Amino acid sequence: MGAEEQVYRQFARELEEWSRTDKTPETGNQDIRYYLDLQRERLRSRNLKMEYRLRLRGEHLDNVYSTAYRDRIYTNYQTCSSFM
């Protein structure tokens, strides 16, 4: 399994856990954390609960790729998959 696939699978697991326990994903950047905080508050304000269950298509993620953005302080990785 390649590094990109590992990051993709780890984030999917962490996002599922967030939906059950509110534990913030460690692999997400500050934008993802901010979005998840907003989402949590929207759901709570409506007295709703949403649980993510992510499933990967197929055994192999051949189309997973990753891009890194770096500055003097931070490194952000964007990892995604295409099914086309």
N, C-alpha and C. Protein backbone atom coordinates (compact mmCIF):
# COMPACT_ATOMS: atom_id res chain seq x y z
N MET A 1 0.85 -1.17 0.00
CA MET A 1 0.00 0.00 0.00
C MET A 1 0.90 1.24 0.00
N GLY A 2 0.61 2.17 -0.90
CA GLY A 2 1.41 3.38 -1.00
C GLY A 2 1.10 4.38 0.10
N ALA A 3 1.97 5.37 0.23
CA ALA A 3 1.81 6.38 1.28
C ALA A 3 0.51 7.16 1.11
N GLU A 4 0.15 7.50 -0.15
CA GLU A 4 -1.08 8.25 -0.38
C GLU A 4 -2.30 7.43 0.05
N GLU A 5 -2.29 6.15 -0.27
CA GLU A 5 -3.41 5.29 0.10
C GLU A 5 -3.52 5.17 1.62
N GLN A 6 -2.39 5.10 2.31
CA GLN A 6 -2.40 5.02 3.77
C GLN A 6 -3.04 6.26 4.38
N VAL A 7 -2.66 7.44 3.87
CA VAL A 7 -3.23 8.69 4.37
C VAL A 7 -4.73 8.73 4.11
N TYR A 8 -5.13 8.32 2.92
CA TYR A 8 -6.54 8.31 2.54
C TYR A 8 -7.34 7.41 3.47
N ARG A 9 -6.84 6.21 3.69
CA ARG A 9 -7.55 5.26 4.55
C ARG A 9 -7.58 5.73 6.01
N GLN A 10 -6.46 6.30 6.48
CA GLN A 10 -6.42 6.79 7.86
C GLN A 10 -7.43 7.92 8.06
N PHE A 11 -7.48 8.87 7.11
CA PHE A 11 -8.43 9.97 7.26
C PHE A 11 -9.87 9.45 7.21
N ALA A 12 -10.16 8.49 6.36
CA ALA A 12 -11.51 7.92 6.30
C ALA A 12 -11.89 7.31 7.65
N ARG A 13 -10.97 6.59 8.27
CA ARG A 13 -11.24 6.00 9.60
C ARG A 13 -11.46 7.09 10.65
N GLU A 14 -10.61 8.13 10.61
CA GLU A 14 -10.72 9.20 11.59
C GLU A 14 -12.02 9.99 11.40
N LEU A 15 -12.45 10.18 10.15
CA LEU A 15 -13.69 10.89 9.90
C LEU A 15 -14.89 10.10 10.40
N GLU A 16 -14.86 8.80 10.20
CA GLU A 16 -15.92 7.95 10.76
C GLU A 16 -15.95 8.07 12.29
N GLU A 17 -14.77 8.03 12.91
CA GLU A 17 -14.70 8.15 14.36
C GLU A 17 -15.22 9.50 14.82
N TRP A 18 -14.88 10.57 14.11
CA TRP A 18 -15.38 11.90 14.45
C TRP A 18 -16.90 11.91 14.49
N SER A 19 -17.52 11.25 13.52
CA SER A 19 -18.98 11.27 13.46
C SER A 19 -19.62 10.52 14.63
N ARG A 20 -18.86 9.61 15.25
CA ARG A 20 -19.38 8.87 16.40
C ARG A 20 -19.00 9.51 17.73
N THR A 21 -17.79 10.07 17.83
CA THR A 21 -17.26 10.48 19.13
C THR A 21 -16.89 11.96 19.23
N ASP A 22 -16.92 12.71 18.14
CA ASP A 22 -16.48 14.11 18.08
C ASP A 22 -14.96 14.28 18.20
N LYS A 23 -14.21 13.19 18.13
CA LYS A 23 -12.74 13.30 18.17
C LYS A 23 -12.26 13.86 16.84
N THR A 24 -11.54 14.97 16.89
CA THR A 24 -11.07 15.63 15.69
C THR A 24 -10.03 14.78 14.96
N PRO A 25 -10.16 14.60 13.65
CA PRO A 25 -9.16 13.83 12.90
C PRO A 25 -7.78 14.45 12.99
N GLU A 26 -6.80 13.65 13.30
CA GLU A 26 -5.42 14.14 13.39
C GLU A 26 -4.85 14.45 12.02
N THR A 27 -5.31 13.78 10.98
CA THR A 27 -4.76 14.00 9.65
C THR A 27 -5.39 15.18 8.93
N GLY A 28 -6.41 15.80 9.51
CA GLY A 28 -7.05 16.95 8.87
C GLY A 28 -6.32 18.24 9.18
N ASN A 29 -6.36 19.17 8.24
CA ASN A 29 -5.73 20.47 8.47
C ASN A 29 -6.70 21.40 9.19
N GLN A 30 -6.31 22.66 9.38
CA GLN A 30 -7.14 23.58 10.15
C GLN A 30 -8.45 23.88 9.44
N ASP A 31 -8.48 23.86 8.12
CA ASP A 31 -9.72 24.08 7.39
C ASP A 31 -10.72 22.95 7.63
N ILE A 32 -10.24 21.72 7.65
CA ILE A 32 -11.11 20.58 7.92
C ILE A 32 -11.61 20.63 9.35
N ARG A 33 -10.73 20.96 10.28
CA ARG A 33 -11.17 21.06 11.68
C ARG A 33 -12.24 22.14 11.84
N TYR A 34 -12.05 23.27 11.18
CA TYR A 34 -13.04 24.35 11.25
C TYR A 34 -14.37 23.89 10.66
N TYR A 35 -14.33 23.25 9.50
CA TYR A 35 -15.56 22.73 8.88
C TYR A 35 -16.27 21.74 9.82
N LEU A 36 -15.52 20.83 10.41
CA LEU A 36 -16.13 19.83 11.29
C LEU A 36 -16.73 20.48 12.53
N ASP A 37 -16.08 21.51 13.06
CA ASP A 37 -16.65 22.24 14.19
C ASP A 37 -17.98 22.89 13.79
N LEU A 38 -18.01 23.53 12.61
CA LEU A 38 -19.25 24.13 12.13
C LEU A 38 -20.34 23.08 11.93
N GLN A 39 -19.97 21.97 11.33
CA GLN A 39 -20.93 20.89 11.08
C GLN A 39 -21.50 20.36 12.39
N ARG A 40 -20.63 20.15 13.38
CA ARG A 40 -21.07 19.65 14.68
C ARG A 40 -22.09 20.62 15.29
N GLU A 41 -21.80 21.91 15.24
CA GLU A 41 -22.72 22.90 15.81
C GLU A 41 -24.04 22.96 15.05
N ARG A 42 -23.99 22.85 13.73
CA ARG A 42 -25.24 22.84 12.95
C ARG A 42 -26.11 21.65 13.34
N LEU A 43 -25.49 20.50 13.46
CA LEU A 43 -26.25 19.30 13.83
C LEU A 43 -26.82 19.44 15.23
N ARG A 44 -26.01 19.90 16.17
CA ARG A 44 -26.49 20.05 17.55
C ARG A 44 -27.63 21.06 17.65
N SER A 45 -27.53 22.15 16.90
CA SER A 45 -28.59 23.17 16.96
C SER A 45 -29.92 22.64 16.45
N ARG A 46 -29.88 21.61 15.65
CA ARG A 46 -31.10 20.99 15.12
C ARG A 46 -31.43 19.68 15.83
N ASN A 47 -30.65 19.38 16.87
CA ASN A 47 -30.83 18.15 17.63
C ASN A 47 -30.74 16.91 16.73
N LEU A 48 -29.74 16.92 15.84
CA LEU A 48 -29.52 15.81 14.91
C LEU A 48 -28.18 15.14 15.18
N LYS A 49 -28.07 13.91 14.74
CA LYS A 49 -26.81 13.17 14.79
C LYS A 49 -26.62 12.51 13.44
N MET A 50 -25.41 12.62 12.91
CA MET A 50 -25.09 12.01 11.63
C MET A 50 -23.83 11.15 11.83
N GLU A 51 -23.86 9.94 11.35
CA GLU A 51 -22.72 9.04 11.47
C GLU A 51 -22.23 8.67 10.08
N TYR A 52 -20.94 8.91 9.85
CA TYR A 52 -20.34 8.56 8.56
C TYR A 52 -19.91 7.11 8.56
N ARG A 53 -20.16 6.44 7.46
CA ARG A 53 -19.65 5.09 7.22
C ARG A 53 -19.10 5.09 5.79
N LEU A 54 -17.81 5.21 5.69
CA LEU A 54 -17.17 5.30 4.38
C LEU A 54 -16.70 3.93 3.93
N ARG A 55 -16.97 3.62 2.70
CA ARG A 55 -16.54 2.35 2.12
C ARG A 55 -15.79 2.64 0.83
N LEU A 56 -14.68 1.98 0.67
CA LEU A 56 -13.88 2.16 -0.52
C LEU A 56 -14.39 1.25 -1.63
N ARG A 57 -14.36 1.73 -2.84
CA ARG A 57 -14.78 0.92 -3.97
C ARG A 57 -13.61 0.04 -4.42
N GLY A 58 -13.81 -1.24 -4.45
CA GLY A 58 -12.77 -2.14 -4.93
C GLY A 58 -11.70 -2.38 -3.89
N GLU A 59 -10.82 -3.28 -4.20
CA GLU A 59 -9.74 -3.64 -3.28
C GLU A 59 -8.57 -2.67 -3.35
N HIS A 60 -8.34 -2.09 -4.51
CA HIS A 60 -7.17 -1.24 -4.69
C HIS A 60 -7.59 0.17 -5.06
N LEU A 61 -6.84 1.11 -4.57
CA LEU A 61 -7.09 2.52 -4.88
C LEU A 61 -6.04 2.99 -5.89
N ASP A 62 -6.21 2.58 -7.11
CA ASP A 62 -5.21 2.89 -8.14
C ASP A 62 -5.15 4.38 -8.47
N ASN A 63 -6.23 5.09 -8.24
CA ASN A 63 -6.29 6.49 -8.63
C ASN A 63 -6.14 7.45 -7.45
N VAL A 64 -5.45 7.04 -6.40
CA VAL A 64 -5.20 7.92 -5.26
C VAL A 64 -3.95 8.74 -5.55
N TYR A 65 -4.05 10.03 -5.29
CA TYR A 65 -2.87 10.88 -5.47
C TYR A 65 -2.83 11.91 -4.35
N SER A 66 -1.67 12.51 -4.17
CA SER A 66 -1.48 13.45 -3.09
C SER A 66 -0.65 14.63 -3.59
N THR A 67 -0.98 15.81 -3.09
CA THR A 67 -0.25 17.03 -3.41
C THR A 67 0.13 17.70 -2.10
N ALA A 68 1.35 18.19 -2.02
CA ALA A 68 1.81 18.87 -0.80
C ALA A 68 1.95 20.37 -1.07
N TYR A 69 1.49 21.16 -0.11
CA TYR A 69 1.67 22.60 -0.14
C TYR A 69 2.49 22.97 1.08
N ARG A 70 3.60 23.67 0.86
CA ARG A 70 4.51 23.98 1.97
C ARG A 70 4.81 25.47 2.02
N ASP A 71 4.97 25.95 3.23
CA ASP A 71 5.54 27.27 3.44
C ASP A 71 6.60 27.15 4.53
N ARG A 72 7.03 28.26 5.11
CA ARG A 72 8.10 28.20 6.11
C ARG A 72 7.71 27.39 7.34
N ILE A 73 6.42 27.35 7.66
CA ILE A 73 5.98 26.73 8.90
C ILE A 73 5.21 25.44 8.69
N TYR A 74 4.29 25.44 7.73
CA TYR A 74 3.35 24.33 7.60
C TYR A 74 3.56 23.52 6.33
N THR A 75 3.16 22.27 6.40
CA THR A 75 3.05 21.41 5.23
C THR A 75 1.66 20.81 5.24
N ASN A 76 0.90 21.02 4.18
CA ASN A 76 -0.44 20.46 4.05
C ASN A 76 -0.45 19.48 2.89
N TYR A 77 -1.04 18.33 3.12
CA TYR A 77 -1.18 17.32 2.09
C TYR A 77 -2.65 17.22 1.71
N GLN A 78 -2.92 17.24 0.43
CA GLN A 78 -4.26 16.99 -0.06
C GLN A 78 -4.23 15.64 -0.76
N THR A 79 -4.97 14.68 -0.22
CA THR A 79 -5.01 13.34 -0.77
C THR A 79 -6.44 13.04 -1.18
N CYS A 80 -6.62 12.56 -2.39
CA CYS A 80 -7.96 12.25 -2.85
C CYS A 80 -7.92 11.10 -3.84
N SER A 81 -9.09 10.67 -4.22
CA SER A 81 -9.21 9.53 -5.13
C SER A 81 -10.20 9.86 -6.22
N SER A 82 -9.94 9.38 -7.39
CA SER A 82 -10.84 9.55 -8.52
C SER A 82 -11.33 8.20 -8.97
N PHE A 83 -12.60 8.08 -9.21
CA PHE A 83 -13.19 6.81 -9.64
C PHE A 83 -13.50 6.82 -11.13
N MET A 84 -12.95 7.74 -11.85
CA MET A 84 -13.24 7.82 -13.30
C MET A 84 -12.11 7.23 -14.09
